[in-house]
């Protein structure tokens, strides 16, 4: 690709639009990625989670068309052989948005958002779109939700809609569930929609209530990309959801959110051993969210570290979604951090990123330790991102 990857997502989206379509975009939208501090796989179990939106974005440049076609340029993907210009191209008629069988995976998210917005009763008009971002793909930072929310806000801006953030988030979740083939919960889309600068979000995934929790100014959010990519659709994500549903049914509750200590003590032994381990992770990781919120508000680094280590061990031993290189990376980072914060895998699992909450004074030491002590199975160095909690999705222009 000839576009300058050092340019911002906004600059790349606009430049790509102008090159591909020979005009300037009418509107610009953005949506952040998210990192989950604690509460993994709890969202589809109607439990609690604590993500934060981060300063890694997807930007969409958009303009009206006079027909019923959606034409899309994905600036950061390679052009097809013989294709024009930079980036991957996609095109579909609005009435055919639900027909995703022959579409590449990235385009299914766009089609899904169009289809769901139409299901909601919105009149989606023809549009040209250019997409660019700086969210690592397949790293557990929810590049898909970032894309969905940016697309949704682009259509909202073009058509003069005013959609509540929760409505937009639920549209993105349905698009991913139905059209992209991943039975995700709503955590990722809500995080991208409702982010608050400088805050984590204590999220009730049943009521969809969100409580911003201030992040201590002297604590850094480090997101370390292991370079082990995983796709939720192709991994065991959907199997974990089935196992959680089986556990809830076996325990006689609507969702694992509803299991209390008495019920667990009385009936957990009746579950299949694997299903029991899956449920145990969900129940206790959901409870850890309130503990982390309290520890953040108190600035209690030791408590933060204890909760994050427990969460990682639970993902490793009970939910079985970590892999040995991720375990080694988290342990390496924790060795540097000591009792002054914590490190854990974040995201759907089977690769992706490790998140650390640690004093800013330790950032350089952590970075050096990762550079010296970690390589992915194919020999690549990890990429260390020092992130900031970001505001949620919206319109740039």
Protein backbone atom coordinates (compact mmCIF):
# COMPACT_ATOMS: atom_id res chain seq x y z
CA UNK A 1 0.00 0.00 0.00
CA UNK A 2 1.29 3.42 -0.89
CA UNK A 3 -0.60 5.39 1.76
CA UNK A 4 1.50 6.65 4.65
CA UNK A 5 0.77 4.38 7.62
CA UNK A 6 2.22 7.08 9.92
CA UNK A 7 -0.69 9.34 9.00
CA UNK A 8 -3.61 9.41 11.44
CA UNK A 9 -6.69 7.26 10.76
CA UNK A 10 -8.59 10.46 9.96
CA UNK A 11 -5.99 11.53 7.41
CA UNK A 12 -5.85 8.08 5.80
CA UNK A 13 -9.64 7.80 5.62
CA UNK A 14 -9.97 11.21 3.94
CA UNK A 15 -7.03 10.68 1.58
CA UNK A 16 -8.29 7.23 0.65
CA UNK A 17 -11.77 8.58 0.01
CA UNK A 18 -10.49 11.35 -2.26
CA UNK A 19 -8.27 8.97 -4.23
CA UNK A 20 -10.90 6.28 -4.62
CA UNK A 21 -13.98 8.36 -5.28
CA UNK A 22 -12.64 11.63 -6.71
CA UNK A 23 -14.44 13.86 -4.24
CA UNK A 24 -14.23 15.00 -0.64
CA UNK A 25 -16.22 13.23 2.08
CA UNK A 26 -19.24 14.97 3.56
CA UNK A 27 -19.01 13.52 7.07
CA UNK A 28 -16.44 11.85 9.33
CA UNK A 29 -17.13 9.53 12.24
CA UNK A 30 -14.89 7.74 14.73
CA UNK A 31 -15.19 4.99 17.28
CA UNK A 32 -12.58 3.80 19.76
CA UNK A 33 -11.31 0.34 20.49
CA UNK A 34 -11.68 -0.98 23.99
CA UNK A 35 -9.63 -2.94 26.45
CA UNK A 36 -11.28 -4.99 29.17
CA UNK A 37 -9.70 -4.46 32.57
CA UNK A 38 -11.54 -7.37 34.20
CA UNK A 39 -14.68 -9.46 33.72
CA UNK A 40 -13.95 -11.69 30.73
CA UNK A 41 -16.78 -13.47 28.87
CA UNK A 42 -19.17 -12.18 31.54
CA UNK A 43 -21.22 -9.99 29.21
CA UNK A 44 -23.23 -12.73 27.51
CA UNK A 45 -23.83 -14.23 30.96
CA UNK A 46 -25.55 -10.97 32.00
CA UNK A 47 -22.85 -10.29 34.57
CA UNK A 48 -20.55 -7.36 35.24
CA UNK A 49 -17.49 -6.23 33.30
CA UNK A 50 -15.05 -3.34 33.50
CA UNK A 51 -13.74 -2.14 30.15
CA UNK A 52 -12.50 1.24 29.03
CA UNK A 53 -12.48 2.80 25.60
CA UNK A 54 -8.92 3.55 24.49
CA UNK A 55 -7.25 6.04 22.18
CA UNK A 56 -7.04 3.68 19.21
CA UNK A 57 -9.74 4.43 16.66
CA UNK A 58 -11.57 3.47 13.49
CA UNK A 59 -12.51 6.47 11.33
CA UNK A 60 -15.06 6.45 8.51
CA UNK A 61 -15.24 9.13 5.82
CA UNK A 62 -18.64 9.15 4.13
CA UNK A 63 -20.72 10.82 1.44
CA UNK A 64 -24.19 10.36 -0.05
CA UNK A 65 -24.87 8.53 -3.30
CA UNK A 66 -27.92 9.02 -5.49
CA UNK A 67 -28.56 5.29 -5.93
CA UNK A 68 -29.15 2.31 -3.63
CA UNK A 69 -25.51 1.18 -3.52
CA UNK A 70 -23.07 1.14 -0.62
CA UNK A 71 -19.48 1.31 -1.89
CA UNK A 72 -16.71 0.80 0.64
CA UNK A 73 -12.94 1.26 0.68
CA UNK A 74 -10.98 -0.43 3.49
CA UNK A 75 -7.79 1.64 3.38
CA UNK A 76 -5.74 -0.62 5.65
CA UNK A 77 -6.38 -3.87 3.79
CA UNK A 78 -4.49 -4.97 0.68
CA UNK A 79 -6.12 -4.36 -2.68
CA UNK A 80 -7.29 -7.42 -4.56
CA UNK A 81 -5.10 -8.52 -7.44
CA UNK A 82 -5.74 -6.19 -10.34
CA UNK A 83 -7.94 -3.95 -8.23
CA UNK A 84 -7.78 -0.17 -8.49
CA UNK A 85 -5.86 2.02 -6.05
CA UNK A 86 -5.03 1.36 -2.42
CA UNK A 87 -7.06 -0.81 -0.10
CA UNK A 88 -9.75 -3.45 -0.42
CA UNK A 89 -13.01 -2.53 -2.14
CA UNK A 90 -16.53 -3.74 -1.47
CA UNK A 91 -19.92 -2.96 -2.96
CA UNK A 92 -23.50 -4.08 -2.39
CA UNK A 93 -27.05 -2.92 -2.93
CA UNK A 94 -28.86 -1.84 0.21
CA UNK A 95 -31.60 -4.41 -0.38
CA UNK A 96 -28.95 -7.14 -0.54
CA UNK A 97 -27.25 -6.22 2.74
CA UNK A 98 -28.43 -9.44 4.40
CA UNK A 99 -26.76 -11.58 1.73
CA UNK A 100 -23.30 -11.98 3.25
CA UNK A 101 -22.45 -15.50 2.08
CA UNK A 102 -20.00 -14.41 -0.62
CA UNK A 103 -18.66 -11.32 1.19
CA UNK A 104 -15.23 -11.03 2.82
CA UNK A 105 -15.39 -10.93 6.60
CA UNK A 106 -14.60 -7.21 6.89
CA UNK A 107 -17.48 -6.28 4.56
CA UNK A 108 -19.95 -8.37 6.55
CA UNK A 109 -19.68 -5.92 9.43
CA UNK A 110 -20.71 -3.07 7.12
CA UNK A 111 -23.53 -5.10 5.58
CA UNK A 112 -24.65 -6.18 9.03
CA UNK A 113 -24.90 -2.62 10.30
CA UNK A 114 -26.90 -1.59 7.21
CA UNK A 115 -29.22 -4.57 7.63
CA UNK A 116 -29.81 -3.98 11.34
CA UNK A 117 -30.34 -0.23 10.97
CA UNK A 118 -32.99 -1.03 8.37
CA UNK A 119 -34.55 -3.59 10.72
CA UNK A 120 -34.80 -0.79 13.28
CA UNK A 121 -36.84 1.23 10.79
CA UNK A 122 -34.17 3.64 9.57
CA UNK A 123 -34.12 4.59 5.89
CA UNK A 124 -30.52 3.92 4.87
CA UNK A 125 -29.55 5.70 1.67
CA UNK A 126 -26.76 4.97 -0.77
CA UNK A 127 -23.31 5.97 0.42
CA UNK A 128 -19.61 5.81 -0.32
CA UNK A 129 -17.43 5.00 2.68
CA UNK A 130 -13.69 4.98 3.36
CA UNK A 131 -12.45 3.19 6.49
CA UNK A 132 -9.08 3.55 8.25
CA UNK A 133 -7.91 2.79 11.75
CA UNK A 134 -5.05 2.08 14.11
CA UNK A 135 -6.68 -0.71 16.13
CA UNK A 136 -4.55 -3.89 16.01
CA UNK A 137 -6.51 -6.62 14.24
CA UNK A 138 -7.12 -9.94 15.98
CA UNK A 139 -5.53 -8.68 19.20
CA UNK A 140 -8.56 -8.74 21.50
CA UNK A 141 -9.14 -4.97 21.42
CA UNK A 142 -12.43 -5.28 19.55
CA UNK A 143 -11.56 -3.81 16.21
CA UNK A 144 -14.90 -5.22 15.02
CA UNK A 145 -16.99 -3.22 17.51
CA UNK A 146 -14.95 -0.12 16.71
CA UNK A 147 -15.76 -0.62 13.03
CA UNK A 148 -19.45 -1.24 13.70
CA UNK A 149 -19.84 1.88 15.82
CA UNK A 150 -17.93 4.06 13.36
CA UNK A 151 -20.11 2.76 10.51
CA UNK A 152 -23.27 3.35 12.53
CA UNK A 153 -22.30 6.92 13.35
CA UNK A 154 -21.39 7.58 9.71
CA UNK A 155 -24.87 6.59 8.57
CA UNK A 156 -26.40 8.52 11.46
CA UNK A 157 -24.50 11.65 10.43
CA UNK A 158 -25.32 11.28 6.73
CA UNK A 159 -29.02 10.79 7.39
CA UNK A 160 -29.54 13.21 10.28
CA UNK A 161 -30.48 10.58 12.84
CA UNK A 162 -29.95 10.92 16.57
CA UNK A 163 -29.57 7.40 17.92
CA UNK A 164 -28.95 6.79 21.64
CA UNK A 165 -25.54 5.20 22.28
CA UNK A 166 -27.12 2.06 23.73
CA UNK A 167 -29.31 1.64 20.65
CA UNK A 168 -26.25 1.93 18.44
CA UNK A 169 -24.38 -0.59 20.59
CA UNK A 170 -27.20 -3.13 20.39
CA UNK A 171 -27.32 -2.68 16.62
CA UNK A 172 -23.62 -3.48 16.44
CA UNK A 173 -24.02 -6.54 18.62
CA UNK A 174 -26.83 -7.87 16.44
CA UNK A 175 -24.82 -7.18 13.29
CA UNK A 176 -21.93 -9.22 14.67
CA UNK A 177 -24.14 -12.02 15.98
CA UNK A 178 -26.28 -12.45 12.86
CA UNK A 179 -24.14 -11.33 9.95
CA UNK A 180 -20.52 -11.77 11.06
CA UNK A 181 -21.10 -15.10 12.78
CA UNK A 182 -19.85 -14.33 16.30
CA UNK A 183 -22.19 -14.70 19.26
CA UNK A 184 -20.55 -11.91 21.23
CA UNK A 185 -22.17 -10.07 24.09
CA UNK A 186 -22.67 -6.31 24.07
CA UNK A 187 -19.62 -5.30 26.15
CA UNK A 188 -17.46 -4.30 23.20
CA UNK A 189 -20.05 -2.14 21.48
CA UNK A 190 -21.16 -0.47 24.72
CA UNK A 191 -17.54 0.30 25.60
CA UNK A 192 -16.94 1.92 22.23
CA UNK A 193 -20.21 3.87 22.42
CA UNK A 194 -20.11 5.03 26.04
CA UNK A 195 -16.43 5.59 26.77
CA UNK A 196 -15.50 8.46 29.10
CA UNK A 197 -12.08 10.07 28.94
CA UNK A 198 -9.97 9.15 31.97
CA UNK A 199 -12.46 6.57 33.22
CA UNK A 200 -13.08 2.86 33.22
CA UNK A 201 -16.69 1.69 32.88
CA UNK A 202 -18.30 -0.56 35.50
CA UNK A 203 -20.86 -2.21 33.27
CA UNK A 204 -23.98 -4.17 34.22
CA UNK A 205 -24.50 -6.34 31.17
CA UNK A 206 -28.09 -7.17 32.14
CA UNK A 207 -29.49 -3.68 32.65
CA UNK A 208 -26.83 -2.09 30.38
CA UNK A 209 -26.25 0.50 33.10
CA UNK A 210 -22.74 1.95 33.01
CA UNK A 211 -20.96 3.69 35.88
CA UNK A 212 -17.78 5.63 35.01
CA UNK A 213 -14.93 4.88 37.43
CA UNK A 214 -12.09 7.43 37.53
CA UNK A 215 -8.68 6.00 36.70
CA UNK A 216 -5.85 7.21 38.98
CA UNK A 217 -3.73 9.72 37.08
CA UNK A 218 -0.47 8.01 38.02
CA UNK A 219 -1.52 4.57 36.71
CA UNK A 220 -0.66 3.68 33.13
CA UNK A 221 -2.76 1.39 30.94
CA UNK A 222 -0.35 -0.81 28.99
CA UNK A 223 -1.71 -3.01 26.24
CA UNK A 224 0.86 -5.48 24.96
CA UNK A 225 0.06 -7.19 21.67
CA UNK A 226 1.46 -10.72 21.81
CA UNK A 227 1.33 -11.03 18.00
CA UNK A 228 -0.63 -14.24 18.46
CA UNK A 229 -3.72 -13.59 16.40
CA UNK A 230 -7.01 -15.24 17.01
CA UNK A 231 -10.40 -14.91 15.38
CA UNK A 232 -13.41 -15.23 17.66
CA UNK A 233 -15.47 -16.90 14.97
CA UNK A 234 -12.80 -19.52 14.28
CA UNK A 235 -11.80 -20.11 17.91
CA UNK A 236 -13.73 -21.73 20.74
CA UNK A 237 -15.54 -18.52 21.71
CA UNK A 238 -18.94 -19.82 20.61
CA UNK A 239 -18.31 -23.13 22.38
CA UNK A 240 -17.63 -21.29 25.64
CA UNK A 241 -20.96 -19.54 25.29
CA UNK A 242 -22.72 -22.87 24.78
CA UNK A 243 -21.02 -24.27 27.88
CA UNK A 244 -22.10 -21.27 29.95
CA UNK A 245 -25.68 -21.68 28.75
CA UNK A 246 -25.52 -25.36 29.71
CA UNK A 247 -24.26 -24.39 33.18
CA UNK A 248 -27.06 -21.88 33.69
CA UNK A 249 -29.63 -24.47 32.65
CA UNK A 250 -28.11 -27.07 34.95
CA UNK A 251 -28.18 -24.64 37.86
CA UNK A 252 -31.76 -23.60 37.11
CA UNK A 253 -31.08 -19.90 36.51
CA UNK A 254 -31.67 -17.52 33.62
CA UNK A 255 -27.98 -16.64 33.42
CA UNK A 256 -24.85 -17.31 35.48
CA UNK A 257 -25.23 -13.77 36.84
CA UNK A 258 -27.98 -15.19 39.08
CA UNK A 259 -25.88 -17.82 40.88
CA UNK A 260 -25.28 -17.06 44.56
CA UNK A 261 -23.03 -18.88 47.02
CA UNK A 262 -25.81 -21.07 48.39
CA UNK A 263 -26.93 -22.27 44.97
CA UNK A 264 -23.35 -22.90 43.89
CA UNK A 265 -22.59 -24.93 47.00
CA UNK A 266 -25.77 -26.96 46.58
CA UNK A 267 -25.77 -27.70 42.86
CA UNK A 268 -22.35 -27.10 41.30
CA UNK A 269 -21.35 -30.70 41.92
CA UNK A 270 -24.14 -31.85 39.60
CA UNK A 271 -22.59 -30.15 36.59
CA UNK A 272 -20.24 -31.75 34.10
CA UNK A 273 -16.70 -31.00 35.38
CA UNK A 274 -15.74 -28.91 32.35
CA UNK A 275 -19.01 -26.97 32.43
CA UNK A 276 -18.53 -26.42 36.17
CA UNK A 277 -15.11 -24.86 35.61
CA UNK A 278 -16.51 -22.57 32.92
CA UNK A 279 -19.26 -21.40 35.26
CA UNK A 280 -16.87 -20.87 38.16
CA UNK A 281 -14.79 -18.46 36.09
CA UNK A 282 -17.82 -16.43 35.03
CA UNK A 283 -19.34 -16.16 38.50
CA UNK A 284 -16.16 -15.05 40.24
CA UNK A 285 -14.77 -12.86 37.46
CA UNK A 286 -18.06 -10.96 37.40
CA UNK A 287 -17.73 -10.39 41.15
CA UNK A 288 -14.15 -9.19 40.77
CA UNK A 289 -15.40 -6.16 38.81
CA UNK A 290 -16.82 -4.40 41.87
CA UNK A 291 -13.59 -5.11 43.71
CA UNK A 292 -11.50 -3.56 40.96
CA UNK A 293 -13.75 -0.49 40.84
CA UNK A 294 -13.22 0.01 44.56
CA UNK A 295 -9.46 -0.56 44.27
CA UNK A 296 -9.16 1.96 41.43
CA UNK A 297 -11.05 4.61 43.36
CA UNK A 298 -8.76 4.03 46.36
CA UNK A 299 -5.63 3.83 44.22
CA UNK A 300 -4.83 0.51 45.90
CA UNK A 301 -2.20 -0.99 43.60
CA UNK A 302 -1.78 -4.18 45.63
CA UNK A 303 -5.51 -4.92 45.46
CA UNK A 304 -5.57 -4.14 41.74
CA UNK A 305 -2.75 -6.60 41.17
CA UNK A 306 -4.34 -9.33 43.28
CA UNK A 307 -7.63 -9.13 41.36
CA UNK A 308 -5.95 -9.10 37.96
CA UNK A 309 -3.77 -12.09 38.78
CA UNK A 310 -6.79 -14.03 40.04
CA UNK A 311 -8.62 -13.21 36.84
CA UNK A 312 -5.77 -14.44 34.66
CA UNK A 313 -5.43 -17.68 36.61
CA UNK A 314 -9.17 -18.23 36.28
CA UNK A 315 -9.04 -17.72 32.51
CA UNK A 316 -6.10 -20.12 32.33
CA UNK A 317 -7.33 -22.90 34.59
CA UNK A 318 -11.15 -22.73 34.56
CA UNK A 319 -12.16 -21.06 31.30
CA UNK A 320 -9.10 -22.37 29.43
CA UNK A 321 -8.80 -19.49 26.97
CA UNK A 322 -5.16 -18.52 27.46
CA UNK A 323 -2.23 -20.09 25.64
CA UNK A 324 1.26 -20.74 27.07
CA UNK A 325 3.00 -17.76 25.40
CA UNK A 326 0.31 -15.44 26.77
CA UNK A 327 0.75 -16.93 30.24
CA UNK A 328 4.50 -16.37 30.00
CA UNK A 329 4.05 -12.77 28.82
CA UNK A 330 1.65 -11.95 31.66
CA UNK A 331 4.03 -13.52 34.20
CA UNK A 332 7.01 -11.61 32.80
CA UNK A 333 5.14 -8.32 33.13
CA UNK A 334 3.88 -9.19 36.60
CA UNK A 335 7.43 -9.91 37.74
CA UNK A 336 8.39 -6.32 36.90
CA UNK A 337 5.24 -4.83 38.40
CA UNK A 338 5.42 -6.81 41.64
CA UNK A 339 2.83 -5.63 44.18
CA UNK A 340 2.35 -2.30 42.41
CA UNK A 341 -0.38 -3.35 39.96
CA UNK A 342 -1.27 -6.31 37.81
CA UNK A 343 -1.21 -7.96 34.39
CA UNK A 344 -3.68 -10.33 32.74
CA UNK A 345 -4.76 -11.47 29.32
CA UNK A 346 -7.61 -9.38 27.94
CA UNK A 347 -10.17 -10.15 25.27
CA UNK A 348 -11.84 -13.27 23.96
CA UNK A 349 -8.80 -15.48 24.37
CA UNK A 350 -6.44 -17.80 22.49
CA UNK A 351 -3.99 -14.98 21.79
CA UNK A 352 -4.30 -11.24 21.54
CA UNK A 353 -3.15 -8.83 24.22
CA UNK A 354 -2.05 -8.66 27.84
CA UNK A 355 -3.16 -5.59 29.77
CA UNK A 356 -1.28 -4.15 32.71
CA UNK A 357 -2.24 -1.47 35.21
CA UNK A 358 0.96 -0.16 36.74
CA UNK A 359 2.64 3.06 37.88
CA UNK A 360 3.81 5.25 35.04
CA UNK A 361 7.28 5.10 36.55
CA UNK A 362 7.46 1.39 35.62
CA UNK A 363 6.44 1.74 31.97
CA UNK A 364 9.96 1.85 30.56
CA UNK A 365 11.08 -1.08 32.71
CA UNK A 366 8.10 -3.16 31.59
CA UNK A 367 8.76 -2.25 27.96
CA UNK A 368 12.42 -3.32 28.20
CA UNK A 369 11.50 -6.59 29.93
CA UNK A 370 8.99 -7.42 27.19
CA UNK A 371 11.44 -6.53 24.43
CA UNK A 372 14.15 -8.72 25.96
CA UNK A 373 12.09 -11.57 27.32
CA UNK A 374 9.26 -12.33 24.90
CA UNK A 375 8.86 -13.61 21.37
CA UNK A 376 5.74 -15.06 19.77
CA UNK A 377 5.86 -18.69 18.58
CA UNK A 378 6.80 -17.43 15.10
CA UNK A 379 9.58 -15.24 16.48
CA UNK A 380 7.95 -11.81 16.52
CA UNK A 381 8.44 -9.25 19.26
CA UNK A 382 5.43 -8.00 21.18
CA UNK A 383 4.17 -4.48 20.57
CA UNK A 384 3.69 -2.31 23.67
CA UNK A 385 0.95 0.33 23.55
CA UNK A 386 0.67 2.89 26.34
CA UNK A 387 -2.99 3.83 26.12
CA UNK A 388 -5.33 6.37 27.63
CA UNK A 389 -9.00 5.94 28.49
CA UNK A 390 -10.94 7.64 25.72
CA UNK A 391 -14.32 9.19 25.01
CA UNK A 392 -16.82 7.07 23.12
CA UNK A 393 -17.88 7.05 19.48
CA UNK A 394 -19.21 10.07 17.66
CA UNK A 395 -19.07 12.37 14.66
CA UNK A 396 -15.86 14.25 13.89
CA UNK A 397 -17.19 16.47 11.13
